[in-house]
PDB file of N, CA and C in Angstrom:
ATOM      1  N   MET A   1      -0.530  13.602  -5.822  1.00  0.00           N
ATOM      2  CA  MET A   1      -0.291  14.231  -7.109  1.00  0.00           C
ATOM      3  C   MET A   1       0.115  13.169  -8.194  1.00  0.00           C
ATOM      4  N   ALA A   2      -0.226  13.178  -9.291  1.00  0.00           N
ATOM      5  CA  ALA A   2       0.188  12.375 -10.443  1.00  0.00           C
ATOM      6  C   ALA A   2       1.495  12.538 -11.021  1.00  0.00           C
ATOM      7  N   LYS A   3       2.105  11.454 -11.422  1.00  0.00           N
ATOM      8  CA  LYS A   3       3.517  11.724 -12.171  1.00  0.00           C
ATOM      9  C   LYS A   3       3.320  12.679 -13.321  1.00  0.00           C
ATOM     10  N   ILE A   4       4.260  13.544 -13.495  1.00  0.00           N
ATOM     11  CA  ILE A   4       4.265  14.427 -14.620  1.00  0.00           C
ATOM     12  C   ILE A   4       4.978  13.851 -15.734  1.00  0.00           C
ATOM     13  N   THR A   5       6.026  13.236 -15.597  1.00  0.00           N
ATOM     14  CA  THR A   5       6.748  12.755 -16.724  1.00  0.00           C
ATOM     15  C   THR A   5       7.761  11.799 -16.152  1.00  0.00           C
ATOM     16  N   THR A   6       8.753  11.359 -17.032  1.00  0.00           N
ATOM     17  CA  THR A   6      10.054  10.495 -16.512  1.00  0.00           C
ATOM     18  C   THR A   6      11.182  11.548 -17.080  1.00  0.00           C
ATOM     19  N   ALA A   7      12.359  11.243 -16.456  1.00  0.00           N
ATOM     20  CA  ALA A   7      13.497  11.790 -16.744  1.00  0.00           C
ATOM     21  C   ALA A   7      14.609  10.714 -16.541  1.00  0.00           C
ATOM     22  N   THR A   8      15.646  10.900 -17.480  1.00  0.00           N
ATOM     23  CA  THR A   8      16.880  10.273 -17.236  1.00  0.00           C
ATOM     24  C   THR A   8      18.085  11.045 -17.010  1.00  0.00           C
ATOM     25  N   PHE A   9      18.562  10.738 -15.914  1.00  0.00           N
ATOM     26  CA  PHE A   9      19.898  11.337 -15.394  1.00  0.00           C
ATOM     27  C   PHE A   9      21.051  10.337 -15.504  1.00  0.00           C
ATOM     28  N   LYS A  10      22.258  10.815 -15.791  1.00  0.00           N
ATOM     29  CA  LYS A  10      23.622  10.116 -16.024  1.00  0.00           C
ATOM     30  C   LYS A  10      24.330  10.312 -14.935  1.00  0.00           C
ATOM     31  N   GLY A  11      25.082   9.184 -14.458  1.00  0.00           N
ATOM     32  CA  GLY A  11      26.049   9.432 -13.449  1.00  0.00           C
ATOM     33  C   GLY A  11      27.519   9.635 -13.951  1.00  0.00           C
ATOM     34  N   ALA A  12      28.535   9.757 -13.060  1.00  0.00           N
ATOM     35  CA  ALA A  12      29.802   9.976 -13.435  1.00  0.00           C
ATOM     36  C   ALA A  12      30.400   8.772 -14.190  1.00  0.00           C
ATOM     37  N   SER A  13      29.859   7.523 -13.823  1.00  0.00           N
ATOM     38  CA  SER A  13      30.122   6.372 -14.597  1.00  0.00           C
ATOM     39  C   SER A  13      29.556   6.283 -15.908  1.00  0.00           C
ATOM     40  N   GLY A  14      28.818   7.020 -16.236  1.00  0.00           N
ATOM     41  CA  GLY A  14      28.098   6.797 -17.697  1.00  0.00           C
ATOM     42  C   GLY A  14      26.821   6.164 -17.549  1.00  0.00           C
ATOM     43  N   SER A  15      26.471   5.540 -16.473  1.00  0.00           N
ATOM     44  CA  SER A  15      25.132   4.860 -16.222  1.00  0.00           C
ATOM     45  C   SER A  15      24.106   5.987 -16.278  1.00  0.00           C
ATOM     46  N   SER A  16      23.005   5.269 -16.925  1.00  0.00           N
ATOM     47  CA  SER A  16      21.695   6.274 -16.857  1.00  0.00           C
ATOM     48  C   SER A  16      20.702   5.623 -16.016  1.00  0.00           C
ATOM     49  N   TYR A  17      20.054   6.607 -15.223  1.00  0.00           N
ATOM     50  CA  TYR A  17      19.140   6.229 -14.176  1.00  0.00           C
ATOM     51  C   TYR A  17      17.702   6.858 -14.681  1.00  0.00           C
ATOM     52  N   SER A  18      16.632   5.978 -14.547  1.00  0.00           N
ATOM     53  CA  SER A  18      15.266   6.627 -15.016  1.00  0.00           C
ATOM     54  C   SER A  18      14.458   7.030 -13.716  1.00  0.00           C
ATOM     55  N   PHE A  19      14.019   8.312 -13.696  1.00  0.00           N
ATOM     56  CA  PHE A  19      13.437   8.889 -12.564  1.00  0.00           C
ATOM     57  C   PHE A  19      11.872   9.143 -12.905  1.00  0.00           C
ATOM     58  N   ASP A  20      11.097   9.017 -12.159  1.00  0.00           N
ATOM     59  CA  ASP A  20       9.520   9.522 -12.255  1.00  0.00           C
ATOM     60  C   ASP A  20       9.666  10.930 -11.705  1.00  0.00           C
ATOM     61  N   VAL A  21       9.208  11.773 -12.246  1.00  0.00           N
ATOM     62  CA  VAL A  21       8.838  13.248 -11.897  1.00  0.00           C
ATOM     63  C   VAL A  21       7.653  13.560 -11.332  1.00  0.00           C
ATOM     64  N   TYR A  22       7.703  14.356 -10.185  1.00  0.00           N
ATOM     65  CA  TYR A  22       6.468  14.695  -9.446  1.00  0.00           C
ATOM     66  C   TYR A  22       6.725  16.178  -9.209  1.00  0.00           C
ATOM     67  N   SER A  23       5.517  16.863  -9.015  1.00  0.00           N
ATOM     68  CA  SER A  23       5.619  18.242  -8.378  1.00  0.00           C
ATOM     69  C   SER A  23       6.253  18.312  -7.066  1.00  0.00           C
ATOM     70  N   SER A  24       6.885  19.248  -6.613  1.00  0.00           N
ATOM     71  CA  SER A  24       7.503  19.327  -5.377  1.00  0.00           C
ATOM     72  C   SER A  24       6.637  19.446  -4.233  1.00  0.00           C
ATOM     73  N   ASP A  25       5.339  19.495  -4.215  1.00  0.00           N
ATOM     74  CA  ASP A  25       4.449  19.330  -3.217  1.00  0.00           C
ATOM     75  C   ASP A  25       3.768  18.055  -2.985  1.00  0.00           C
ATOM     76  N   THR A  26       4.502  17.041  -3.729  1.00  0.00           N
ATOM     77  CA  THR A  26       3.731  15.704  -3.577  1.00  0.00           C
ATOM     78  C   THR A  26       4.263  14.957  -2.248  1.00  0.00           C
ATOM     79  N   SER A  27       3.270  14.296  -1.641  1.00  0.00           N
ATOM     80  CA  SER A  27       3.697  13.374  -0.408  1.00  0.00           C
ATOM     81  C   SER A  27       3.945  11.959  -1.137  1.00  0.00           C
ATOM     82  N   PHE A  28       4.834  11.321  -0.479  1.00  0.00           N
ATOM     83  CA  PHE A  28       5.377  10.118  -0.817  1.00  0.00           C
ATOM     84  C   PHE A  28       5.162   8.963   0.084  1.00  0.00           C
ATOM     85  N   LYS A  29       5.022   7.757  -0.182  1.00  0.00           N
ATOM     86  CA  LYS A  29       4.953   6.626   0.868  1.00  0.00           C
ATOM     87  C   LYS A  29       6.392   6.251   1.085  1.00  0.00           C
ATOM     88  N   ASN A  30       6.524   5.597   2.278  1.00  0.00           N
ATOM     89  CA  ASN A  30       7.798   5.096   2.788  1.00  0.00           C
ATOM     90  C   ASN A  30       8.528   4.005   2.013  1.00  0.00           C
ATOM     91  N   VAL A  31       9.017   4.392   0.982  1.00  0.00           N
ATOM     92  CA  VAL A  31       9.720   3.409   0.027  1.00  0.00           C
ATOM     93  C   VAL A  31      11.110   3.721  -0.062  1.00  0.00           C
ATOM     94  N   GLY A  32      11.988   2.839  -0.702  1.00  0.00           N
ATOM     95  CA  GLY A  32      13.558   3.035  -0.889  1.00  0.00           C
ATOM     96  C   GLY A  32      13.544   3.608  -2.267  1.00  0.00           C
ATOM     97  N   ALA A  33      14.322   4.746  -2.322  1.00  0.00           N
ATOM     98  CA  ALA A  33      14.588   5.493  -3.444  1.00  0.00           C
ATOM     99  C   ALA A  33      15.610   6.409  -3.461  1.00  0.00           C
ATOM    100  N   VAL A  34      16.174   6.668  -4.706  1.00  0.00           N
ATOM    101  CA  VAL A  34      17.058   7.563  -4.821  1.00  0.00           C
ATOM    102  C   VAL A  34      16.255   8.874  -5.399  1.00  0.00           C
ATOM    103  N   TYR A  35      16.567  10.116  -4.880  1.00  0.00           N
ATOM    104  CA  TYR A  35      15.755  11.190  -5.118  1.00  0.00           C
ATOM    105  C   TYR A  35      16.466  12.425  -5.553  1.00  0.00           C
ATOM    106  N   ALA A  36      15.903  13.314  -6.409  1.00  0.00           N
ATOM    107  CA  ALA A  36      16.586  14.588  -6.741  1.00  0.00           C
ATOM    108  C   ALA A  36      15.489  15.765  -6.720  1.00  0.00           C
ATOM    109  N   PHE A  37      15.886  16.705  -6.111  1.00  0.00           N
ATOM    110  CA  PHE A  37      15.064  17.937  -6.048  1.00  0.00           C
ATOM    111  C   PHE A  37      15.674  18.720  -7.281  1.00  0.00           C
ATOM    112  N   THR A  38      14.764  19.076  -8.112  1.00  0.00           N
ATOM    113  CA  THR A  38      15.087  19.883  -9.365  1.00  0.00           C
ATOM    114  C   THR A  38      14.242  20.971  -9.779  1.00  0.00           C
ATOM    115  N   LYS A  39      14.668  21.869 -10.619  1.00  0.00           N
ATOM    116  CA  LYS A  39      14.111  22.886 -11.274  1.00  0.00           C
ATOM    117  C   LYS A  39      13.953  22.699 -12.552  1.00  0.00           C
ATOM    118  N   ARG A  40      12.567  22.349 -12.925  1.00  0.00           N
ATOM    119  CA  ARG A  40      12.213  21.881 -14.359  1.00  0.00           C
ATOM    120  C   ARG A  40      11.647  23.203 -15.178  1.00  0.00           C
ATOM    121  N   THR A  41      12.304  23.230 -16.306  1.00  0.00           N
ATOM    122  CA  THR A  41      11.882  24.198 -17.290  1.00  0.00           C
ATOM    123  C   THR A  41      11.349  23.414 -18.595  1.00  0.00           C
ATOM    124  N   VAL A  42      10.458  24.154 -19.216  1.00  0.00           N
ATOM    125  CA  VAL A  42       9.896  23.601 -20.513  1.00  0.00           C
ATOM    126  C   VAL A  42      10.335  24.555 -21.600  1.00  0.00           C
ATOM    127  N   ASP A  43      10.833  24.159 -22.928  1.00  0.00           N
ATOM    128  CA  ASP A  43      11.081  25.164 -23.844  1.00  0.00           C
ATOM    129  C   ASP A  43      10.050  25.215 -24.767  1.00  0.00           C
ATOM    130  N   SER A  44      10.075  25.986 -25.765  1.00  0.00           N
ATOM    131  CA  SER A  44       8.952  26.445 -26.720  1.00  0.00           C
ATOM    132  C   SER A  44       8.395  25.110 -27.649  1.00  0.00           C
ATOM    133  N   LYS A  45       9.271  24.055 -27.594  1.00  0.00           N
ATOM    134  CA  LYS A  45       8.905  22.927 -28.263  1.00  0.00           C
ATOM    135  C   LYS A  45       8.306  21.954 -27.244  1.00  0.00           C
ATOM    136  N   GLY A  46       8.173  22.251 -25.897  1.00  0.00           N
ATOM    137  CA  GLY A  46       7.412  21.246 -25.104  1.00  0.00           C
ATOM    138  C   GLY A  46       8.409  20.388 -24.313  1.00  0.00           C
ATOM    139  N   LYS A  47       9.767  20.502 -24.600  1.00  0.00           N
ATOM    140  CA  LYS A  47      10.833  19.584 -23.985  1.00  0.00           C
ATOM    141  C   LYS A  47      11.217  20.144 -22.661  1.00  0.00           C
ATOM    142  N   GLY A  48      11.176  19.178 -21.737  1.00  0.00           N
ATOM    143  CA  GLY A  48      11.400  19.579 -20.375  1.00  0.00           C
ATOM    144  C   GLY A  48      12.955  19.251 -20.071  1.00  0.00           C
ATOM    145  N   THR A  49      13.490  20.401 -19.250  1.00  0.00           N
ATOM    146  CA  THR A  49      14.863  19.998 -18.867  1.00  0.00           C
ATOM    147  C   THR A  49      15.029  20.187 -17.446  1.00  0.00           C
ATOM    148  N   HIS A  50      15.834  19.584 -16.755  1.00  0.00           N
ATOM    149  CA  HIS A  50      16.044  19.624 -15.101  1.00  0.00           C
ATOM    150  C   HIS A  50      17.442  20.197 -14.752  1.00  0.00           C
ATOM    151  N   GLU A  51      17.273  21.155 -13.948  1.00  0.00           N
ATOM    152  CA  GLU A  51      18.451  21.538 -13.172  1.00  0.00           C
ATOM    153  C   GLU A  51      18.436  20.876 -11.743  1.00  0.00           C
ATOM    154  N   ILE A  52      19.435  19.891 -11.628  1.00  0.00           N
ATOM    155  CA  ILE A  52      19.548  19.372 -10.374  1.00  0.00           C
ATOM    156  C   ILE A  52      20.092  20.123  -9.202  1.00  0.00           C
ATOM    157  N   LEU A  53      19.203  20.226  -8.385  1.00  0.00           N
ATOM    158  CA  LEU A  53      19.690  21.102  -7.067  1.00  0.00           C
ATOM    159  C   LEU A  53      20.058  20.225  -6.053  1.00  0.00           C
ATOM    160  N   TYR A  54      19.640  18.964  -5.779  1.00  0.00           N
ATOM    161  CA  TYR A  54      20.192  18.148  -4.649  1.00  0.00           C
ATOM    162  C   TYR A  54      19.741  16.679  -5.092  1.00  0.00           C
ATOM    163  N   ILE A  55      20.625  15.811  -4.553  1.00  0.00           N
ATOM    164  CA  ILE A  55      20.563  14.359  -4.822  1.00  0.00           C
ATOM    165  C   ILE A  55      20.527  13.816  -3.568  1.00  0.00           C
ATOM    166  N   GLY A  56      19.713  12.688  -3.173  1.00  0.00           N
ATOM    167  CA  GLY A  56      19.818  12.008  -2.026  1.00  0.00           C
ATOM    168  C   GLY A  56      19.178  10.601  -2.166  1.00  0.00           C
ATOM    169  N   GLU A  57      19.264   9.827  -0.997  1.00  0.00           N
ATOM    170  CA  GLU A  57      18.639   8.630  -1.120  1.00  0.00           C
ATOM    171  C   GLU A  57      17.990   8.356   0.355  1.00  0.00           C
ATOM    172  N   SER A  58      16.942   7.505   0.327  1.00  0.00           N
ATOM    173  CA  SER A  58      16.488   6.953   1.691  1.00  0.00           C
ATOM    174  C   SER A  58      15.670   5.783   1.507  1.00  0.00           C
ATOM    175  N   GLY A  59      15.587   5.106   2.696  1.00  0.00           N
ATOM    176  CA  GLY A  59      14.790   3.968   2.912  1.00  0.00           C
ATOM    177  C   GLY A  59      13.354   4.076   3.001  1.00  0.00           C
ATOM    178  N   LYS A  60      13.195   5.350   3.565  1.00  0.00           N
ATOM    179  CA  LYS A  60      11.803   5.958   4.023  1.00  0.00           C
ATOM    180  C   LYS A  60      11.432   7.117   3.297  1.00  0.00           C
ATOM    181  N   LEU A  61      11.299   7.176   2.159  1.00  0.00           N
ATOM    182  CA  LEU A  61      11.261   8.278   1.316  1.00  0.00           C
ATOM    183  C   LEU A  61      10.261   9.289   1.806  1.00  0.00           C
ATOM    184  N   GLY A  62       8.956   8.985   2.201  1.00  0.00           N
ATOM    185  CA  GLY A  62       8.026   9.820   2.570  1.00  0.00           C
ATOM    186  C   GLY A  62       8.321  10.569   3.806  1.00  0.00           C
ATOM    187  N   GLU A  63       8.987  10.065   4.746  1.00  0.00           N
ATOM    188  CA  GLU A  63       9.388  10.754   5.946  1.00  0.00           C
ATOM    189  C   GLU A  63      10.626  11.659   5.659  1.00  0.00           C
ATOM    190  N   ARG A  64      11.674  11.180   4.827  1.00  0.00           N
ATOM    191  CA  ARG A  64      12.758  11.953   4.530  1.00  0.00           C
ATOM    192  C   ARG A  64      12.271  13.264   3.825  1.00  0.00           C
ATOM    193  N   ILE A  65      11.421  13.209   2.778  1.00  0.00           N
ATOM    194  CA  ILE A  65      11.132  14.478   2.040  1.00  0.00           C
ATOM    195  C   ILE A  65      10.423  15.389   2.972  1.00  0.00           C
ATOM    196  N   GLU A  66       9.319  14.763   3.648  1.00  0.00           N
ATOM    197  CA  GLU A  66       8.631  15.656   4.494  1.00  0.00           C
ATOM    198  C   GLU A  66       9.300  16.519   5.460  1.00  0.00           C
ATOM    199  N   ARG A  67      10.386  15.930   6.068  1.00  0.00           N
ATOM    200  CA  ARG A  67      11.299  16.691   7.010  1.00  0.00           C
ATOM    201  C   ARG A  67      12.710  17.163   6.575  1.00  0.00           C
ATOM    202  N   HIS A  68      12.904  17.126   5.173  1.00  0.00           N
ATOM    203  CA  HIS A  68      14.156  17.467   4.604  1.00  0.00           C
ATOM    204  C   HIS A  68      14.741  18.707   5.164  1.00  0.00           C
ATOM    205  N   GLU A  69      16.049  18.590   5.560  1.00  0.00           N
ATOM    206  CA  GLU A  69      16.876  19.817   6.022  1.00  0.00           C
ATOM    207  C   GLU A  69      17.314  20.803   4.872  1.00  0.00           C
ATOM    208  N   LYS A  70      17.177  20.205   3.557  1.00  0.00           N
ATOM    209  CA  LYS A  70      17.762  20.963   2.330  1.00  0.00           C
ATOM    210  C   LYS A  70      16.591  21.795   1.686  1.00  0.00           C
ATOM    211  N   TRP A  71      15.260  21.760   2.305  1.00  0.00           N
ATOM    212  CA  TRP A  71      14.194  22.755   1.654  1.00  0.00           C
ATOM    213  C   TRP A  71      14.714  24.012   1.609  1.00  0.00           C
ATOM    214  N   SER A  72      15.501  24.522   2.816  1.00  0.00           N
ATOM    215  CA  SER A  72      15.942  25.900   2.769  1.00  0.00           C
ATOM    216  C   SER A  72      16.990  26.228   1.676  1.00  0.00           C
ATOM    217  N   CYS A  73      17.640  25.164   1.197  1.00  0.00           N
ATOM    218  CA  CYS A  73      18.634  25.449   0.150  1.00  0.00           C
ATOM    219  C   CYS A  73      17.827  25.417  -1.304  1.00  0.00           C
ATOM    220  N   VAL A  74      16.926  24.567  -1.432  1.00  0.00           N
ATOM    221  CA  VAL A  74      16.467  24.223  -2.709  1.00  0.00           C
ATOM    222  C   VAL A  74      15.261  25.205  -2.942  1.00  0.00           C
ATOM    223  N   GLU A  75      14.701  25.790  -2.083  1.00  0.00           N
ATOM    224  CA  GLU A  75      13.444  26.633  -2.319  1.00  0.00           C
ATOM    225  C   GLU A  75      13.896  27.903  -3.037  1.00  0.00           C
ATOM    226  N   PRO A  76      14.948  28.574  -2.366  1.00  0.00           N
ATOM    227  CA  PRO A  76      15.259  29.756  -3.122  1.00  0.00           C
ATOM    228  C   PRO A  76      15.937  29.529  -4.582  1.00  0.00           C
ATOM    229  N   LEU A  77      16.306  28.286  -4.836  1.00  0.00           N
ATOM    230  CA  LEU A  77      16.870  28.247  -6.202  1.00  0.00           C
ATOM    231  C   LEU A  77      15.647  27.762  -7.363  1.00  0.00           C
ATOM    232  N   GLY A  78      14.443  27.803  -6.674  1.00  0.00           N
ATOM    233  CA  GLY A  78      13.340  27.431  -7.580  1.00  0.00           C
ATOM    234  C   GLY A  78      12.860  25.985  -7.928  1.00  0.00           C
ATOM    235  N   VAL A  79      13.215  25.325  -6.722  1.00  0.00           N
ATOM    236  CA  VAL A  79      12.781  23.800  -6.861  1.00  0.00           C
ATOM    237  C   VAL A  79      11.202  23.521  -7.218  1.00  0.00           C
ATOM    238  N   ASN A  80      10.884  22.917  -8.308  1.00  0.00           N
ATOM    239  CA  ASN A  80       9.521  22.745  -8.391  1.00  0.00           C
ATOM    240  C   ASN A  80       9.225  21.184  -8.814  1.00  0.00           C
ATOM    241  N   CYS A  81      10.260  20.343  -8.681  1.00  0.00           N
ATOM    242  CA  CYS A  81      10.061  18.892  -8.927  1.00  0.00           C
ATOM    243  C   CYS A  81      10.758  18.071  -7.881  1.00  0.00           C
ATOM    244  N   ILE A  82      10.370  16.801  -7.689  1.00  0.00           N
ATOM    245  CA  ILE A  82      10.940  15.823  -6.998  1.00  0.00           C
ATOM    246  C   ILE A  82      10.988  14.716  -8.062  1.00  0.00           C
ATOM    247  N   CYS A  83      12.319  14.308  -8.210  1.00  0.00           N
ATOM    248  CA  CYS A  83      12.368  12.928  -9.104  1.00  0.00           C
ATOM    249  C   CYS A  83      12.867  11.761  -8.309  1.00  0.00           C
ATOM    250  N   ILE A  84      12.208  10.812  -8.630  1.00  0.00           N
ATOM    251  CA  ILE A  84      12.245   9.604  -7.857  1.00  0.00           C
ATOM    252  C   ILE A  84      12.655   8.194  -8.607  1.00  0.00           C
ATOM    253  N   HIS A  85      13.715   7.563  -8.101  1.00  0.00           N
ATOM    254  CA  HIS A  85      14.327   6.331  -8.767  1.00  0.00           C
ATOM    255  C   HIS A  85      13.986   5.203  -7.822  1.00  0.00           C
ATOM    256  N   LEU A  86      12.826   4.463  -7.864  1.00  0.00           N
ATOM    257  CA  LEU A  86      12.658   3.416  -6.689  1.00  0.00           C
ATOM    258  C   LEU A  86      13.883   2.471  -6.663  1.00  0.00           C
ATOM    259  N   ASP A  87      14.159   2.119  -5.497  1.00  0.00           N
ATOM    260  CA  ASP A  87      15.329   1.017  -5.348  1.00  0.00           C
ATOM    261  C   ASP A  87      15.168   0.645  -3.767  1.00  0.00           C
ATOM    262  N   GLY A  88      14.896  -0.660  -3.669  1.00  0.00           N
ATOM    263  CA  GLY A  88      14.777  -1.092  -2.313  1.00  0.00           C
ATOM    264  C   GLY A  88      16.088  -1.592  -1.654  1.00  0.00           C
ATOM    265  N   ASN A  89      17.127  -1.517  -2.211  1.00  0.00           N
ATOM    266  CA  ASN A  89      18.552  -1.994  -1.915  1.00  0.00           C
ATOM    267  C   ASN A  89      19.345  -0.728  -1.457  1.00  0.00           C
ATOM    268  N   SER A  90      19.599  -0.720   0.053  1.00  0.00           N
ATOM    269  CA  SER A  90      20.371   0.462   0.578  1.00  0.00           C
ATOM    270  C   SER A  90      21.787   0.405  -0.212  1.00  0.00           C
ATOM    271  N   ASN A  91      22.486  -0.528  -0.348  1.00  0.00           N
ATOM    272  CA  ASN A  91      23.907  -0.366  -0.943  1.00  0.00           C
ATOM    273  C   ASN A  91      23.741   0.016  -2.429  1.00  0.00           C
ATOM    274  N   SER A  92      22.766  -0.440  -3.072  1.00  0.00           N
ATOM    275  CA  SER A  92      22.676   0.010  -4.478  1.00  0.00           C
ATOM    276  C   SER A  92      21.980   1.533  -4.658  1.00  0.00           C
ATOM    277  N   ARG A  93      21.389   1.999  -3.503  1.00  0.00           N
ATOM    278  CA  ARG A  93      20.956   3.288  -3.449  1.00  0.00           C
ATOM    279  C   ARG A  93      22.198   4.312  -3.329  1.00  0.00           C
ATOM    280  N   LEU A  94      22.960   3.950  -2.283  1.00  0.00           N
ATOM    281  CA  LEU A  94      24.231   4.670  -1.917  1.00  0.00           C
ATOM    282  C   LEU A  94      25.031   4.657  -3.060  1.00  0.00           C
ATOM    283  N   ASP A  95      25.390   3.765  -3.953  1.00  0.00           N
ATOM    284  CA  ASP A  95      26.206   3.654  -5.035  1.00  0.00           C
ATOM    285  C   ASP A  95      25.568   4.799  -6.235  1.00  0.00           C
ATOM    286  N   LYS A  96      24.295   4.527  -6.375  1.00  0.00           N
ATOM    287  CA  LYS A  96      23.730   5.454  -7.412  1.00  0.00           C
ATOM    288  C   LYS A  96      23.617   6.822  -6.974  1.00  0.00           C
ATOM    289  N   GLU A  97      23.540   7.259  -5.733  1.00  0.00           N
ATOM    290  CA  GLU A  97      23.473   8.634  -5.281  1.00  0.00           C
ATOM    291  C   GLU A  97      24.769   9.203  -5.411  1.00  0.00           C
ATOM    292  N   SER A  98      25.888   8.386  -5.085  1.00  0.00           N
ATOM    293  CA  SER A  98      27.196   8.890  -5.444  1.00  0.00           C
ATOM    294  C   SER A  98      27.509   9.030  -6.733  1.00  0.00           C
ATOM    295  N   ASP A  99      27.262   8.186  -7.591  1.00  0.00           N
ATOM    296  CA  ASP A  99      27.570   8.392  -9.057  1.00  0.00           C
ATOM    297  C   ASP A  99      26.799   9.459  -9.635  1.00  0.00           C
ATOM    298  N   LEU A 100      25.566   9.824  -9.259  1.00  0.00           N
ATOM    299  CA  LEU A 100      24.810  10.852  -9.743  1.00  0.00           C
ATOM    300  C   LEU A 100      25.379  12.202  -9.335  1.00  0.00           C
ATOM    301  N   ILE A 101      25.717  12.287  -7.946  1.00  0.00           N
ATOM    302  CA  ILE A 101      26.428  13.518  -7.407  1.00  0.00           C
ATOM    303  C   ILE A 101      27.768  13.772  -8.183  1.00  0.00           C
ATOM    304  N   GLY A 102      28.456  12.602  -8.275  1.00  0.00           N
ATOM    305  CA  GLY A 102      29.729  13.036  -9.099  1.00  0.00           C
ATOM    306  C   GLY A 102      29.588  13.532 -10.559  1.00  0.00           C
ATOM    307  N   LYS A 103      28.432  13.295 -11.135  1.00  0.00           N
ATOM    308  CA  LYS A 103      28.304  13.884 -12.377  1.00  0.00           C
ATOM    309  C   LYS A 103      27.744  15.226 -12.468  1.00  0.00           C
ATOM    310  N   ALA A 104      26.587  15.284 -11.571  1.00  0.00           N
ATOM    311  CA  ALA A 104      25.749  16.550 -11.500  1.00  0.00           C
ATOM    312  C   ALA A 104      26.161  17.710 -10.726  1.00  0.00           C
ATOM    313  N   ASN A 105      27.057  17.412  -9.564  1.00  0.00           N
ATOM    314  CA  ASN A 105      27.770  18.294  -8.631  1.00  0.00           C
ATOM    315  C   ASN A 105      26.586  19.437  -8.151  1.00  0.00           C
ATOM    316  N   PRO A 106      25.578  18.944  -7.737  1.00  0.00           N
ATOM    317  CA  PRO A 106      24.333  19.717  -7.158  1.00  0.00           C
ATOM    318  C   PRO A 106      24.816  20.875  -6.249  1.00  0.00           C
ATOM    319  N   PRO A 107      24.291  21.886  -6.289  1.00  0.00           N
ATOM    320  CA  PRO A 107      24.676  23.156  -5.575  1.00  0.00           C
ATOM    321  C   PRO A 107      24.350  22.910  -3.896  1.00  0.00           C
ATOM    322  N   CYS A 108      23.254  22.134  -3.860  1.00  0.00           N
ATOM    323  CA  CYS A 108      22.937  21.822  -2.387  1.00  0.00           C
ATOM    324  C   CYS A 108      23.268  20.566  -1.789  1.00  0.00           C
ATOM    325  N   ASN A 109      24.337  19.790  -2.477  1.00  0.00           N
ATOM    326  CA  ASN A 109      24.833  18.622  -1.976  1.00  0.00           C
ATOM    327  C   ASN A 109      26.184  19.124  -1.188  1.00  0.00           C
ATOM    328  N   GLY A 110      26.500  20.310  -1.376  1.00  0.00           N
ATOM    329  CA  GLY A 110      27.988  20.778  -0.920  1.00  0.00           C
ATOM    330  C   GLY A 110      28.124  20.901   0.575  1.00  0.00           C
TER     331      GLY A 110
END
């Protein structure tokens, strides 16, 4: 599936992170990334907004998404997008994941 758009999410630190947005049925390659399961809505002016349902990170994104244990949490909440921020560095991904969770407090990260 092709990229839908891009989205920017802020962390608790105030840092902004750019994510590529895909439909929730997209298959991914095994790359390093921070990812967010979101519910995207579009207003009457065509502007999309995201409710972040879960944030995670993985060095093997394709395998992680395919077998994710949080599908049972995000599906009833209306997940329709997976947002991807590519990052090949494990420590950097963990820092970004923590920063984003600290700001968004996603319901399925609890």
